[in-house]
Amino acid sequence: MSQGAALFDRPVPTQQPRHLLQFKAGKMTMKSDHWVHPDPRKGCAYLYQSSDSKVHFCWFDRRTGLVEDNYVLVPKQTEFKPVSQCKSGRVYVLKNKDQRLFIWMQEPDAKNDSEICDSVNRFIDSPPPATRMSDLLGSIRGLSGLSQNDLLALLCKHFLCFMLT
């Protein structure tokens, strides 16, 4: 592999997390009776991919906007599934070997619950690939027709000009 190709195939760290999915969901708490009880607050769950490519599952209070839970999702060790014992609500659990987060869906249309669940599990099992420098540069208007070597030469030329000024 050429030096230019190696440069362009490295993941690009990003400052902003990459938003993947969001849905309305309340939080539930397991009490000493081993039953889960709903938290009365309206909430929201969302998934994002951090700059280190890890996928996170977060829950925040919609009234205050404060994020209360932030779990790193580990492929093959974490799952999101409906709680089959709950017949009266739309309760789901995000679990791994050490932790459990119970939520209840607050989206108006229950028909989308299974699709949301499937999407969460897809992001857990197959995190999106990190953005590559060539993808980033290839998407810039006017540069998409250049080869990686031409892009590298262009970058080096501009970097050198910047360093000399």
N, C-alpha and C. Protein backbone atom coordinates (compact mmCIF):
# COMPACT_ATOMS: atom_id res chain seq x y z
N MET A 1 0.85 -1.17 0.00
CA MET A 1 0.00 0.00 0.00
C MET A 1 0.89 1.23 0.00
N SER A 2 0.55 2.19 -0.84
CA SER A 2 1.37 3.40 -0.92
C SER A 2 1.15 4.27 0.31
N GLN A 3 2.08 5.19 0.51
CA GLN A 3 1.97 6.08 1.65
C GLN A 3 0.70 6.92 1.55
N GLY A 4 0.35 7.34 0.34
CA GLY A 4 -0.87 8.14 0.14
C GLY A 4 -2.11 7.35 0.48
N ALA A 5 -2.16 6.08 0.05
CA ALA A 5 -3.32 5.25 0.35
C ALA A 5 -3.45 5.03 1.85
N ALA A 6 -2.33 4.82 2.52
CA ALA A 6 -2.38 4.63 3.97
C ALA A 6 -2.94 5.87 4.65
N LEU A 7 -2.55 7.04 4.16
CA LEU A 7 -3.05 8.28 4.74
C LEU A 7 -4.56 8.38 4.56
N PHE A 8 -5.05 8.04 3.38
CA PHE A 8 -6.46 8.20 3.09
C PHE A 8 -7.34 7.11 3.68
N ASP A 9 -6.80 6.00 4.11
CA ASP A 9 -7.61 4.93 4.66
C ASP A 9 -7.73 4.98 6.18
N ARG A 10 -7.18 5.99 6.81
CA ARG A 10 -7.30 6.12 8.26
C ARG A 10 -8.64 6.74 8.60
N PRO A 11 -9.29 6.26 9.67
CA PRO A 11 -10.52 6.91 10.10
C PRO A 11 -10.24 8.36 10.50
N VAL A 12 -11.19 9.22 10.19
CA VAL A 12 -11.05 10.63 10.52
C VAL A 12 -11.78 10.89 11.82
N PRO A 13 -11.08 11.33 12.87
CA PRO A 13 -11.80 11.67 14.10
C PRO A 13 -12.67 12.89 13.85
N THR A 14 -13.87 12.86 14.36
CA THR A 14 -14.78 13.98 14.19
C THR A 14 -15.05 14.61 15.54
N GLN A 15 -15.31 15.90 15.53
CA GLN A 15 -15.61 16.60 16.77
C GLN A 15 -17.02 16.27 17.23
N GLN A 16 -17.95 16.21 16.31
CA GLN A 16 -19.35 15.99 16.64
C GLN A 16 -19.69 14.51 16.58
N PRO A 17 -20.48 14.02 17.53
CA PRO A 17 -20.93 12.63 17.43
C PRO A 17 -21.88 12.47 16.24
N ARG A 18 -21.95 11.28 15.74
CA ARG A 18 -22.80 10.97 14.59
C ARG A 18 -24.13 10.43 15.11
N HIS A 19 -25.21 11.19 14.91
CA HIS A 19 -26.54 10.80 15.37
C HIS A 19 -27.05 9.63 14.51
N LEU A 20 -27.56 8.58 15.16
CA LEU A 20 -28.01 7.39 14.43
C LEU A 20 -29.51 7.17 14.50
N LEU A 21 -30.11 7.36 15.67
CA LEU A 21 -31.53 7.02 15.86
C LEU A 21 -32.04 7.74 17.10
N GLN A 22 -33.31 8.14 17.08
CA GLN A 22 -33.92 8.76 18.26
C GLN A 22 -35.39 8.38 18.31
N PHE A 23 -35.90 8.13 19.51
CA PHE A 23 -37.31 7.82 19.69
C PHE A 23 -37.75 8.20 21.09
N LYS A 24 -39.05 8.50 21.23
CA LYS A 24 -39.60 8.88 22.53
C LYS A 24 -39.73 7.64 23.40
N ALA A 25 -39.22 7.74 24.62
CA ALA A 25 -39.24 6.59 25.53
C ALA A 25 -39.15 7.06 26.97
N GLY A 26 -39.99 6.48 27.81
CA GLY A 26 -39.90 6.74 29.24
C GLY A 26 -38.94 5.75 29.87
N LYS A 27 -38.56 6.06 31.08
CA LYS A 27 -37.63 5.21 31.81
C LYS A 27 -38.41 4.40 32.85
N MET A 28 -37.91 3.23 33.16
CA MET A 28 -38.53 2.40 34.19
C MET A 28 -37.47 2.02 35.20
N THR A 29 -37.91 1.83 36.43
CA THR A 29 -36.99 1.50 37.51
C THR A 29 -37.41 0.20 38.16
N MET A 30 -36.44 -0.68 38.40
CA MET A 30 -36.74 -1.93 39.10
C MET A 30 -36.72 -1.66 40.60
N LYS A 31 -37.82 -2.01 41.25
CA LYS A 31 -37.95 -1.81 42.70
C LYS A 31 -37.58 -3.10 43.43
N SER A 32 -37.61 -3.04 44.74
CA SER A 32 -37.23 -4.20 45.56
C SER A 32 -38.17 -5.39 45.37
N ASP A 33 -39.38 -5.13 44.84
CA ASP A 33 -40.31 -6.23 44.59
C ASP A 33 -40.00 -6.96 43.27
N HIS A 34 -38.91 -6.55 42.60
CA HIS A 34 -38.45 -7.13 41.33
C HIS A 34 -39.41 -6.87 40.17
N TRP A 35 -40.23 -5.86 40.32
CA TRP A 35 -41.08 -5.39 39.24
C TRP A 35 -40.53 -4.06 38.77
N VAL A 36 -40.72 -3.76 37.49
CA VAL A 36 -40.31 -2.45 36.99
C VAL A 36 -41.50 -1.51 37.05
N HIS A 37 -41.22 -0.28 37.46
CA HIS A 37 -42.26 0.73 37.62
C HIS A 37 -41.90 1.95 36.78
N PRO A 38 -42.91 2.55 36.12
CA PRO A 38 -42.61 3.67 35.23
C PRO A 38 -42.23 4.95 35.97
N ASP A 39 -41.25 5.62 35.42
CA ASP A 39 -40.89 6.97 35.85
C ASP A 39 -41.90 7.87 35.12
N PRO A 40 -42.56 8.80 35.81
CA PRO A 40 -43.62 9.59 35.15
C PRO A 40 -43.11 10.60 34.11
N ARG A 41 -41.82 10.82 34.04
CA ARG A 41 -41.29 11.83 33.11
C ARG A 41 -41.35 11.36 31.66
N LYS A 42 -41.51 12.34 30.78
CA LYS A 42 -41.41 12.07 29.35
C LYS A 42 -39.94 12.10 28.99
N GLY A 43 -39.54 11.12 28.22
CA GLY A 43 -38.12 11.04 27.88
C GLY A 43 -37.89 10.74 26.42
N CYS A 44 -36.63 10.62 26.11
CA CYS A 44 -36.22 10.31 24.74
C CYS A 44 -34.97 9.45 24.81
N ALA A 45 -34.94 8.43 23.98
CA ALA A 45 -33.74 7.59 23.85
C ALA A 45 -33.12 7.89 22.49
N TYR A 46 -31.81 7.86 22.45
CA TYR A 46 -31.15 8.06 21.16
C TYR A 46 -29.84 7.30 21.12
N LEU A 47 -29.42 6.99 19.91
CA LEU A 47 -28.14 6.33 19.68
C LEU A 47 -27.26 7.28 18.90
N TYR A 48 -25.98 7.29 19.26
CA TYR A 48 -25.01 8.07 18.50
C TYR A 48 -23.70 7.31 18.43
N GLN A 49 -22.92 7.65 17.42
CA GLN A 49 -21.59 7.05 17.27
C GLN A 49 -20.56 8.12 17.61
N SER A 50 -19.73 7.83 18.60
CA SER A 50 -18.71 8.78 19.05
C SER A 50 -17.52 8.76 18.11
N SER A 51 -16.60 9.69 18.32
CA SER A 51 -15.44 9.80 17.43
C SER A 51 -14.55 8.57 17.47
N ASP A 52 -14.66 7.75 18.52
CA ASP A 52 -13.88 6.51 18.58
C ASP A 52 -14.64 5.33 17.94
N SER A 53 -15.73 5.63 17.23
CA SER A 53 -16.57 4.67 16.49
C SER A 53 -17.47 3.81 17.37
N LYS A 54 -17.47 4.03 18.67
CA LYS A 54 -18.35 3.26 19.55
C LYS A 54 -19.76 3.82 19.49
N VAL A 55 -20.76 2.92 19.55
CA VAL A 55 -22.15 3.32 19.54
C VAL A 55 -22.63 3.44 20.98
N HIS A 56 -23.33 4.54 21.27
CA HIS A 56 -23.84 4.82 22.61
C HIS A 56 -25.37 4.84 22.58
N PHE A 57 -25.99 4.36 23.66
CA PHE A 57 -27.43 4.45 23.88
C PHE A 57 -27.63 5.40 25.04
N CYS A 58 -28.39 6.47 24.81
CA CYS A 58 -28.61 7.49 25.84
C CYS A 58 -30.09 7.69 26.10
N TRP A 59 -30.39 8.12 27.31
CA TRP A 59 -31.76 8.52 27.66
C TRP A 59 -31.69 9.90 28.28
N PHE A 60 -32.63 10.78 27.86
CA PHE A 60 -32.71 12.10 28.48
C PHE A 60 -34.15 12.49 28.77
N ASP A 61 -34.31 13.36 29.76
CA ASP A 61 -35.60 13.91 30.16
C ASP A 61 -35.96 15.00 29.15
N ARG A 62 -37.11 14.85 28.48
CA ARG A 62 -37.50 15.82 27.46
C ARG A 62 -37.81 17.19 28.04
N ARG A 63 -38.21 17.26 29.29
CA ARG A 63 -38.53 18.55 29.91
C ARG A 63 -37.26 19.35 30.21
N THR A 64 -36.26 18.69 30.78
CA THR A 64 -35.04 19.39 31.19
C THR A 64 -33.94 19.32 30.14
N GLY A 65 -33.97 18.30 29.28
CA GLY A 65 -32.92 18.11 28.28
C GLY A 65 -31.67 17.47 28.85
N LEU A 66 -31.69 17.06 30.12
CA LEU A 66 -30.51 16.46 30.74
C LEU A 66 -30.38 14.98 30.40
N VAL A 67 -29.21 14.60 29.93
CA VAL A 67 -28.92 13.19 29.65
C VAL A 67 -28.61 12.51 30.97
N GLU A 68 -29.39 11.48 31.30
CA GLU A 68 -29.20 10.76 32.56
C GLU A 68 -28.48 9.43 32.39
N ASP A 69 -28.59 8.84 31.23
CA ASP A 69 -27.98 7.53 30.98
C ASP A 69 -27.21 7.59 29.68
N ASN A 70 -26.02 6.99 29.68
CA ASN A 70 -25.20 6.91 28.48
C ASN A 70 -24.43 5.60 28.55
N TYR A 71 -24.87 4.62 27.76
CA TYR A 71 -24.26 3.29 27.75
C TYR A 71 -23.51 3.07 26.45
N VAL A 72 -22.29 2.55 26.54
CA VAL A 72 -21.55 2.13 25.35
C VAL A 72 -22.05 0.74 25.00
N LEU A 73 -22.46 0.56 23.75
CA LEU A 73 -23.03 -0.71 23.30
C LEU A 73 -21.93 -1.60 22.74
N VAL A 74 -21.79 -2.77 23.32
CA VAL A 74 -20.74 -3.71 22.90
C VAL A 74 -21.36 -4.77 22.00
N PRO A 75 -20.92 -4.86 20.74
CA PRO A 75 -21.47 -5.87 19.84
C PRO A 75 -21.37 -7.28 20.42
N LYS A 76 -22.39 -8.06 20.19
CA LYS A 76 -22.49 -9.46 20.61
C LYS A 76 -22.62 -9.62 22.13
N GLN A 77 -22.57 -8.53 22.89
CA GLN A 77 -22.72 -8.62 24.34
C GLN A 77 -23.90 -7.81 24.85
N THR A 78 -24.49 -6.99 23.99
CA THR A 78 -25.60 -6.13 24.38
C THR A 78 -26.78 -6.44 23.47
N GLU A 79 -27.98 -6.39 24.05
CA GLU A 79 -29.18 -6.57 23.23
C GLU A 79 -30.30 -5.67 23.72
N PHE A 80 -31.21 -5.36 22.82
CA PHE A 80 -32.38 -4.55 23.11
C PHE A 80 -33.58 -5.38 22.70
N LYS A 81 -34.47 -5.65 23.65
CA LYS A 81 -35.59 -6.53 23.32
C LYS A 81 -36.81 -6.20 24.16
N PRO A 82 -37.99 -6.61 23.67
CA PRO A 82 -39.20 -6.40 24.46
C PRO A 82 -39.20 -7.28 25.70
N VAL A 83 -39.84 -6.79 26.75
CA VAL A 83 -39.99 -7.58 27.97
C VAL A 83 -41.27 -8.38 27.82
N SER A 84 -41.13 -9.67 27.58
CA SER A 84 -42.29 -10.52 27.27
C SER A 84 -43.24 -10.67 28.45
N GLN A 85 -42.74 -10.51 29.67
CA GLN A 85 -43.60 -10.65 30.85
C GLN A 85 -44.57 -9.48 31.00
N CYS A 86 -44.30 -8.37 30.34
CA CYS A 86 -45.16 -7.19 30.45
C CYS A 86 -46.24 -7.27 29.37
N LYS A 87 -47.46 -7.51 29.80
CA LYS A 87 -48.58 -7.63 28.86
C LYS A 87 -49.37 -6.33 28.73
N SER A 88 -49.14 -5.38 29.64
CA SER A 88 -49.97 -4.17 29.67
C SER A 88 -49.27 -2.94 29.10
N GLY A 89 -48.07 -3.09 28.59
CA GLY A 89 -47.36 -1.92 28.09
C GLY A 89 -46.32 -2.28 27.06
N ARG A 90 -45.63 -1.27 26.62
CA ARG A 90 -44.62 -1.41 25.58
C ARG A 90 -43.24 -1.26 26.22
N VAL A 91 -42.89 -2.24 27.06
CA VAL A 91 -41.65 -2.18 27.84
C VAL A 91 -40.54 -2.95 27.12
N TYR A 92 -39.36 -2.32 27.09
CA TYR A 92 -38.18 -2.91 26.45
C TYR A 92 -37.02 -2.84 27.44
N VAL A 93 -36.05 -3.71 27.23
CA VAL A 93 -34.86 -3.70 28.08
C VAL A 93 -33.61 -3.67 27.20
N LEU A 94 -32.68 -2.81 27.58
CA LEU A 94 -31.34 -2.79 27.00
C LEU A 94 -30.47 -3.48 28.03
N LYS A 95 -29.87 -4.60 27.64
CA LYS A 95 -29.11 -5.33 28.66
C LYS A 95 -27.82 -5.91 28.12
N ASN A 96 -26.87 -6.01 29.04
CA ASN A 96 -25.65 -6.77 28.82
C ASN A 96 -25.44 -7.58 30.09
N LYS A 97 -24.29 -8.18 30.26
CA LYS A 97 -24.11 -9.07 31.41
C LYS A 97 -24.12 -8.33 32.75
N ASP A 98 -23.81 -7.03 32.76
CA ASP A 98 -23.70 -6.29 34.01
C ASP A 98 -24.83 -5.30 34.29
N GLN A 99 -25.49 -4.81 33.24
CA GLN A 99 -26.45 -3.73 33.42
C GLN A 99 -27.74 -3.97 32.65
N ARG A 100 -28.80 -3.31 33.15
CA ARG A 100 -30.09 -3.33 32.46
C ARG A 100 -30.71 -1.95 32.55
N LEU A 101 -31.24 -1.50 31.43
CA LEU A 101 -31.99 -0.26 31.39
C LEU A 101 -33.36 -0.60 30.81
N PHE A 102 -34.41 -0.36 31.60
CA PHE A 102 -35.77 -0.61 31.16
C PHE A 102 -36.39 0.70 30.69
N ILE A 103 -37.04 0.63 29.54
CA ILE A 103 -37.74 1.80 29.02
C ILE A 103 -39.13 1.38 28.56
N TRP A 104 -40.01 2.36 28.42
CA TRP A 104 -41.31 2.10 27.80
C TRP A 104 -41.48 3.08 26.66
N MET A 105 -41.91 2.54 25.55
CA MET A 105 -42.05 3.33 24.33
C MET A 105 -43.12 4.40 24.52
N GLN A 106 -42.80 5.62 24.10
CA GLN A 106 -43.74 6.73 24.16
C GLN A 106 -44.06 7.29 22.76
N GLU A 107 -43.57 6.62 21.74
CA GLU A 107 -43.93 7.02 20.38
C GLU A 107 -45.43 6.80 20.22
N PRO A 108 -46.13 7.72 19.54
CA PRO A 108 -47.58 7.59 19.42
C PRO A 108 -48.04 6.31 18.71
N ASP A 109 -47.28 5.85 17.74
CA ASP A 109 -47.70 4.68 16.96
C ASP A 109 -46.92 3.44 17.38
N ALA A 110 -47.59 2.53 18.05
CA ALA A 110 -46.95 1.29 18.53
C ALA A 110 -46.52 0.38 17.39
N LYS A 111 -47.03 0.62 16.19
CA LYS A 111 -46.66 -0.22 15.04
C LYS A 111 -45.17 -0.13 14.73
N ASN A 112 -44.53 0.96 15.13
CA ASN A 112 -43.11 1.16 14.82
C ASN A 112 -42.18 0.58 15.87
N ASP A 113 -42.71 0.06 16.97
CA ASP A 113 -41.87 -0.43 18.06
C ASP A 113 -40.89 -1.51 17.61
N SER A 114 -41.38 -2.49 16.86
CA SER A 114 -40.49 -3.59 16.45
C SER A 114 -39.43 -3.09 15.47
N GLU A 115 -39.78 -2.12 14.64
CA GLU A 115 -38.80 -1.55 13.70
C GLU A 115 -37.71 -0.79 14.47
N ILE A 116 -38.11 -0.05 15.50
CA ILE A 116 -37.14 0.66 16.34
C ILE A 116 -36.22 -0.35 17.02
N CYS A 117 -36.81 -1.40 17.57
CA CYS A 117 -36.04 -2.45 18.25
C CYS A 117 -35.03 -3.09 17.29
N ASP A 118 -35.48 -3.41 16.09
CA ASP A 118 -34.59 -4.00 15.09
C ASP A 118 -33.45 -3.04 14.73
N SER A 119 -33.77 -1.75 14.60
CA SER A 119 -32.74 -0.76 14.26
C SER A 119 -31.69 -0.66 15.37
N VAL A 120 -32.14 -0.63 16.62
CA VAL A 120 -31.20 -0.56 17.74
C VAL A 120 -30.26 -1.76 17.70
N ASN A 121 -30.82 -2.95 17.51
CA ASN A 121 -29.99 -4.16 17.49
C ASN A 121 -29.05 -4.20 16.29
N ARG A 122 -29.47 -3.65 15.15
CA ARG A 122 -28.57 -3.57 14.00
C ARG A 122 -27.38 -2.66 14.31
N PHE A 123 -27.64 -1.52 14.96
CA PHE A 123 -26.54 -0.62 15.32
C PHE A 123 -25.63 -1.24 16.37
N ILE A 124 -26.19 -2.07 17.25
CA ILE A 124 -25.36 -2.76 18.25
C ILE A 124 -24.45 -3.77 17.56
N ASP A 125 -25.05 -4.62 16.72
CA ASP A 125 -24.30 -5.72 16.12
C ASP A 125 -23.40 -5.30 14.96
N SER A 126 -23.79 -4.25 14.25
CA SER A 126 -23.01 -3.79 13.09
C SER A 126 -22.88 -2.28 13.12
N PRO A 127 -22.00 -1.76 13.96
CA PRO A 127 -21.83 -0.30 14.01
C PRO A 127 -21.44 0.23 12.64
N PRO A 128 -21.90 1.43 12.29
CA PRO A 128 -21.53 2.00 10.99
C PRO A 128 -20.01 2.16 10.90
N PRO A 129 -19.46 2.02 9.71
CA PRO A 129 -18.01 2.20 9.57
C PRO A 129 -17.63 3.65 9.84
N ALA A 130 -16.41 3.83 10.30
CA ALA A 130 -15.90 5.18 10.55
C ALA A 130 -15.74 5.90 9.22
N THR A 131 -15.88 7.19 9.23
CA THR A 131 -15.69 7.99 8.03
C THR A 131 -14.22 7.96 7.65
N ARG A 132 -13.94 7.74 6.39
CA ARG A 132 -12.56 7.70 5.90
C ARG A 132 -12.22 9.03 5.23
N MET A 133 -10.97 9.38 5.25
CA MET A 133 -10.52 10.63 4.63
C MET A 133 -10.92 10.68 3.16
N SER A 134 -10.80 9.56 2.45
CA SER A 134 -11.14 9.57 1.02
C SER A 134 -12.64 9.81 0.82
N ASP A 135 -13.48 9.29 1.73
CA ASP A 135 -14.92 9.54 1.64
C ASP A 135 -15.20 11.02 1.89
N LEU A 136 -14.52 11.56 2.89
CA LEU A 136 -14.72 12.96 3.23
C LEU A 136 -14.29 13.87 2.09
N LEU A 137 -13.11 13.65 1.55
CA LEU A 137 -12.61 14.48 0.46
C LEU A 137 -13.38 14.24 -0.83
N GLY A 138 -13.78 13.01 -1.06
CA GLY A 138 -14.52 12.69 -2.27
C GLY A 138 -15.88 13.36 -2.32
N SER A 139 -16.40 13.71 -1.16
CA SER A 139 -17.71 14.35 -1.13
C SER A 139 -17.64 15.86 -1.31
N ILE A 140 -16.43 16.42 -1.26
CA ILE A 140 -16.28 17.86 -1.45
C ILE A 140 -16.44 18.17 -2.94
N ARG A 141 -17.31 19.11 -3.24
CA ARG A 141 -17.62 19.45 -4.64
C ARG A 141 -16.34 19.83 -5.39
N GLY A 142 -16.18 19.28 -6.57
CA GLY A 142 -15.05 19.62 -7.42
C GLY A 142 -13.84 18.72 -7.23
N LEU A 143 -13.79 17.95 -6.16
CA LEU A 143 -12.63 17.09 -5.93
C LEU A 143 -12.95 15.62 -6.18
N SER A 144 -14.19 15.32 -6.47
CA SER A 144 -14.58 13.92 -6.57
C SER A 144 -13.93 13.19 -7.74
N GLY A 145 -13.47 13.92 -8.76
CA GLY A 145 -12.84 13.26 -9.89
C GLY A 145 -11.35 13.02 -9.73
N LEU A 146 -10.76 13.52 -8.67
CA LEU A 146 -9.32 13.38 -8.47
C LEU A 146 -8.97 12.03 -7.85
N SER A 147 -7.81 11.52 -8.23
CA SER A 147 -7.32 10.28 -7.62
C SER A 147 -6.80 10.59 -6.22
N GLN A 148 -6.54 9.53 -5.45
CA GLN A 148 -6.00 9.73 -4.11
C GLN A 148 -4.63 10.40 -4.17
N ASN A 149 -3.81 10.04 -5.15
CA ASN A 149 -2.49 10.66 -5.29
C ASN A 149 -2.61 12.15 -5.61
N ASP A 150 -3.56 12.50 -6.51
CA ASP A 150 -3.77 13.91 -6.84
C ASP A 150 -4.26 14.68 -5.61
N LEU A 151 -5.17 14.07 -4.86
CA LEU A 151 -5.66 14.73 -3.64
C LEU A 151 -4.54 14.93 -2.63
N LEU A 152 -3.70 13.91 -2.48
CA LEU A 152 -2.58 14.01 -1.55
C LEU A 152 -1.63 15.13 -1.99
N ALA A 153 -1.33 15.19 -3.28
CA ALA A 153 -0.45 16.25 -3.79
C ALA A 153 -1.06 17.63 -3.55
N LEU A 154 -2.36 17.76 -3.78
CA LEU A 154 -3.05 19.02 -3.56
C LEU A 154 -3.01 19.42 -2.09
N LEU A 155 -3.26 18.47 -1.22
CA LEU A 155 -3.21 18.75 0.22
C LEU A 155 -1.80 19.15 0.65
N CYS A 156 -0.81 18.42 0.18
CA CYS A 156 0.58 18.72 0.55
C CYS A 156 0.98 20.11 0.07
N LYS A 157 0.58 20.46 -1.16
CA LYS A 157 0.90 21.77 -1.72
C LYS A 157 0.29 22.87 -0.87
N HIS A 158 -0.99 22.72 -0.51
CA HIS A 158 -1.66 23.75 0.29
C HIS A 158 -1.13 23.78 1.72
N PHE A 159 -0.77 22.63 2.25
CA PHE A 159 -0.22 22.59 3.59
C PHE A 159 1.13 23.29 3.61
N LEU A 160 1.95 23.03 2.58
CA LEU A 160 3.27 23.67 2.48
C LEU A 160 3.12 25.18 2.34
N CYS A 161 2.18 25.63 1.51
CA CYS A 161 1.94 27.07 1.35
C CYS A 161 1.49 27.68 2.67
N PHE A 162 0.67 26.98 3.40
CA PHE A 162 0.19 27.46 4.70
C PHE A 162 1.35 27.59 5.68
N MET A 163 2.26 26.62 5.67
CA MET A 163 3.38 26.62 6.60
C MET A 163 4.38 27.74 6.28
N LEU A 164 4.48 28.13 5.00
CA LEU A 164 5.44 29.16 4.60
C LEU A 164 4.91 30.57 4.82
N THR A 165 3.61 30.71 4.99
CA THR A 165 3.04 32.06 5.18
C THR A 165 2.95 32.43 6.63
